Structure formats: structure tokens, C-alpha cells
Amino acid sequence: MVFFKQNKPQEHAFPIQKQEAEWRAALSPEAFRVLRQHGTERPGSSPLNGEKRPGRFLCGGCAAPLFDAATKYESGTGWPSFYAPLDGAIGTHIDRSLFMVRTEVHCAQCGGHLGHVFPDGPAPTGQRYCMNGIALTFEPDAA
């Protein structure tokens, strides 16, 4: 996991770099708002909440693998939740917006905002990676 202590993700040089116009052309307006402008989708709005097939959840911005479906669980929050990311797939940084301190999660490849991680998840990690479904895509295992 990559941790940013002082630099915001957008100030970090990620392996995948695009200009704002390129991101806008590649993403839907809602995906751009979440991934590139640190927005949040409405809870319960993502079809990925009900996804239960074996496979991987990928970054909606660059298609980098982020989470194995085996780590997904029902948190009751209205957002897809996972207890662990794939090794090296994400980075985090302290988010002090909205008058609170949270840990933001972003894609380690493109810096896209995915959601936040909280210390109230299930075993074995105790972590709840609460992700915006619009920031993810799903790739099922081959049949």
C-alpha cells in the first residue's frame, strides 16, 4: 500500500498520467466527478453493490486491478465494501474535508479517487474499504 503523508494524490506523479480533457473524454460526467474531483456517489446507487461473482474489481479510470471479489462483503453502508485491496493496488492520504479526518483511498496507478477506508471492517484485517461503485468496474473470472 502506498501512503502519502503530505502530498495530495494529485500532486504525486502516478504511472498513468492524463490531462483533464483526456480524463473528461474517457469518463462519464459522474465518473469524472468521483474519480478526478473526489466526489461521492449516492449510497445504494451502484449495481456493483449486488455483485457476488468471483473476479476482480478494477479502477474505473485506468482498469488497474484493485480488489479481489473474495474480499468483498456487505457492510450495510450502501457502497461496495472490501476488507483488503490487492497488494500495491491503492494508495491512501489523509482527507480533512467536510470538517472531519478520514483516510482517502486512491488508485496507485492513476491517482483516481475511489473512496475511504475505515477501521471498522471484518476479520482478518478489521478494515472497511468503502468504495464508490462508479469508480470501479468488475471483471468476472473466466468460466
Protein backbone atom coordinates (compact mmCIF):
# COMPACT_ATOMS: atom_id res chain seq x y z
CA MET A 1 0.00 0.00 0.00
CA VAL A 2 1.30 3.47 -0.86
CA PHE A 3 0.86 6.14 1.81
CA PHE A 4 1.06 9.88 1.16
CA LYS A 5 1.79 11.86 4.28
CA GLN A 6 1.95 15.41 2.98
CA ASN A 7 1.39 15.34 -0.77
CA LYS A 8 -2.14 15.12 -2.03
CA PRO A 9 -2.61 12.34 -4.60
CA GLN A 10 -2.97 14.85 -7.44
CA GLU A 11 0.49 16.25 -6.54
CA HIS A 12 2.08 12.80 -6.89
CA ALA A 13 3.44 11.57 -10.24
CA PHE A 14 1.42 8.41 -10.97
CA PRO A 15 2.44 5.88 -13.64
CA ILE A 16 -0.70 6.74 -15.67
CA GLN A 17 -0.92 10.46 -16.44
CA LYS A 18 -3.60 12.23 -18.48
CA GLN A 19 -4.62 15.82 -18.95
CA GLU A 20 -8.01 16.88 -17.56
CA ALA A 21 -9.51 16.97 -21.07
CA GLU A 22 -8.36 13.38 -21.67
CA TRP A 23 -9.98 12.21 -18.41
CA ARG A 24 -13.20 14.05 -19.29
CA ALA A 25 -13.27 12.37 -22.70
CA ALA A 26 -12.61 8.92 -21.23
CA LEU A 27 -15.07 9.04 -18.29
CA SER A 28 -18.77 9.69 -17.86
CA PRO A 29 -19.51 13.02 -16.14
CA GLU A 30 -20.38 11.19 -12.88
CA ALA A 31 -17.25 9.00 -13.01
CA PHE A 32 -15.13 12.11 -13.69
CA ARG A 33 -16.72 13.88 -10.69
CA VAL A 34 -15.88 10.97 -8.38
CA LEU A 35 -12.53 9.77 -9.74
CA ARG A 36 -10.94 13.11 -10.63
CA GLN A 37 -12.77 15.61 -8.37
CA HIS A 38 -13.04 13.47 -5.22
CA GLY A 39 -16.83 13.26 -5.32
CA THR A 40 -19.08 10.66 -3.71
CA GLU A 41 -21.90 8.76 -5.35
CA ARG A 42 -25.30 8.42 -3.71
CA PRO A 43 -25.39 5.38 -1.36
CA GLY A 44 -27.20 2.37 -2.79
CA SER A 45 -26.89 3.65 -6.37
CA SER A 46 -24.22 1.26 -7.68
CA PRO A 47 -25.11 -2.02 -9.39
CA LEU A 48 -21.78 -3.32 -8.02
CA ASN A 49 -23.31 -3.44 -4.53
CA GLY A 50 -25.00 -6.71 -5.52
CA GLU A 51 -22.06 -8.19 -7.46
CA LYS A 52 -21.21 -11.57 -5.93
CA ARG A 53 -19.43 -13.47 -8.72
CA PRO A 54 -15.75 -14.47 -8.45
CA GLY A 55 -13.48 -11.97 -10.16
CA ARG A 56 -11.70 -8.67 -9.66
CA PHE A 57 -12.79 -5.08 -9.20
CA LEU A 58 -10.77 -2.70 -11.37
CA CYS A 59 -10.18 1.04 -11.37
CA GLY A 60 -12.85 2.74 -13.45
CA GLY A 61 -10.25 5.24 -14.67
CA CYS A 62 -7.38 3.02 -15.79
CA ALA A 63 -8.54 -0.61 -15.38
CA ALA A 64 -5.83 -1.45 -12.83
CA PRO A 65 -6.86 -4.42 -10.62
CA LEU A 66 -7.76 -3.17 -7.12
CA PHE A 67 -9.74 -5.77 -5.14
CA ASP A 68 -10.39 -9.50 -5.39
CA ALA A 69 -14.11 -10.26 -5.21
CA ALA A 70 -13.37 -12.72 -2.37
CA THR A 71 -12.63 -9.72 -0.12
CA LYS A 72 -15.99 -8.01 -0.80
CA TYR A 73 -18.62 -8.08 1.92
CA GLU A 74 -21.96 -6.48 2.74
CA SER A 75 -21.22 -3.58 5.08
CA GLY A 76 -24.74 -2.15 5.09
CA THR A 77 -23.40 1.28 4.08
CA GLY A 78 -24.77 1.39 0.54
CA TRP A 79 -21.33 1.30 -1.11
CA PRO A 80 -19.28 -1.68 -2.28
CA SER A 81 -17.01 -2.62 0.64
CA PHE A 82 -13.90 -4.76 0.87
CA TYR A 83 -11.67 -5.83 3.75
CA ALA A 84 -8.39 -5.79 1.78
CA PRO A 85 -7.02 -4.43 -1.52
CA LEU A 86 -4.67 -6.29 -3.83
CA ASP A 87 -1.00 -5.77 -2.98
CA GLY A 88 0.26 -2.39 -4.22
CA ALA A 89 -3.07 -1.52 -5.86
CA ILE A 90 -4.05 1.50 -3.80
CA GLY A 91 -2.60 4.48 -2.04
CA THR A 92 -4.03 6.48 0.83
CA HIS A 93 -3.85 10.01 2.10
CA ILE A 94 -5.41 11.97 4.94
CA ASP A 95 -8.62 13.73 3.88
CA ARG A 96 -9.55 16.68 6.10
CA SER A 97 -12.61 17.78 4.09
CA LEU A 98 -16.15 18.06 5.44
CA PHE A 99 -14.91 19.00 8.94
CA MET A 100 -13.60 15.50 9.68
CA VAL A 101 -10.43 13.46 9.29
CA ARG A 102 -10.70 10.37 7.11
CA THR A 103 -8.31 8.23 5.10
CA GLU A 104 -8.90 8.63 1.37
CA VAL A 105 -8.20 5.69 -0.94
CA HIS A 106 -6.98 6.21 -4.50
CA CYS A 107 -5.70 4.06 -7.35
CA ALA A 108 -1.92 3.64 -7.17
CA GLN A 109 -1.69 3.73 -10.98
CA CYS A 110 -3.74 6.80 -11.96
CA GLY A 111 -4.50 8.53 -8.64
CA GLY A 112 -8.26 8.26 -9.16
CA HIS A 113 -10.33 8.81 -6.00
CA LEU A 114 -12.02 5.54 -5.01
CA GLY A 115 -13.47 6.20 -1.56
CA HIS A 116 -12.28 5.92 2.04
CA VAL A 117 -11.01 3.25 4.43
CA PHE A 118 -12.29 2.91 8.00
CA PRO A 119 -11.10 0.75 10.92
CA ASP A 120 -14.48 -0.97 11.44
CA GLY A 121 -14.34 -3.85 8.98
CA PRO A 122 -14.40 -7.60 9.47
CA ALA A 123 -11.56 -10.02 10.17
CA PRO A 124 -8.94 -10.70 9.10
CA THR A 125 -7.94 -7.02 8.58
CA GLY A 126 -10.53 -5.04 10.54
CA GLN A 127 -10.59 -2.57 7.64
CA ARG A 128 -13.59 -1.39 5.59
CA TYR A 129 -12.58 -0.08 2.18
CA CYS A 130 -15.80 1.78 1.35
CA MET A 131 -15.58 2.41 -2.41
CA ASN A 132 -17.66 4.39 -4.87
CA GLY A 133 -19.07 1.86 -7.33
CA ILE A 134 -18.83 4.40 -10.17
CA ALA A 135 -15.06 4.43 -9.57
CA LEU A 136 -14.86 0.67 -10.20
CA THR A 137 -15.57 -1.85 -12.93
CA PHE A 138 -15.94 -5.60 -12.46
CA GLU A 139 -14.12 -8.34 -14.36
CA PRO A 140 -15.58 -11.80 -13.68
CA ASP A 141 -13.35 -14.86 -13.63
CA ALA A 142 -13.34 -16.84 -16.88
CA ALA A 143 -15.99 -19.55 -16.84
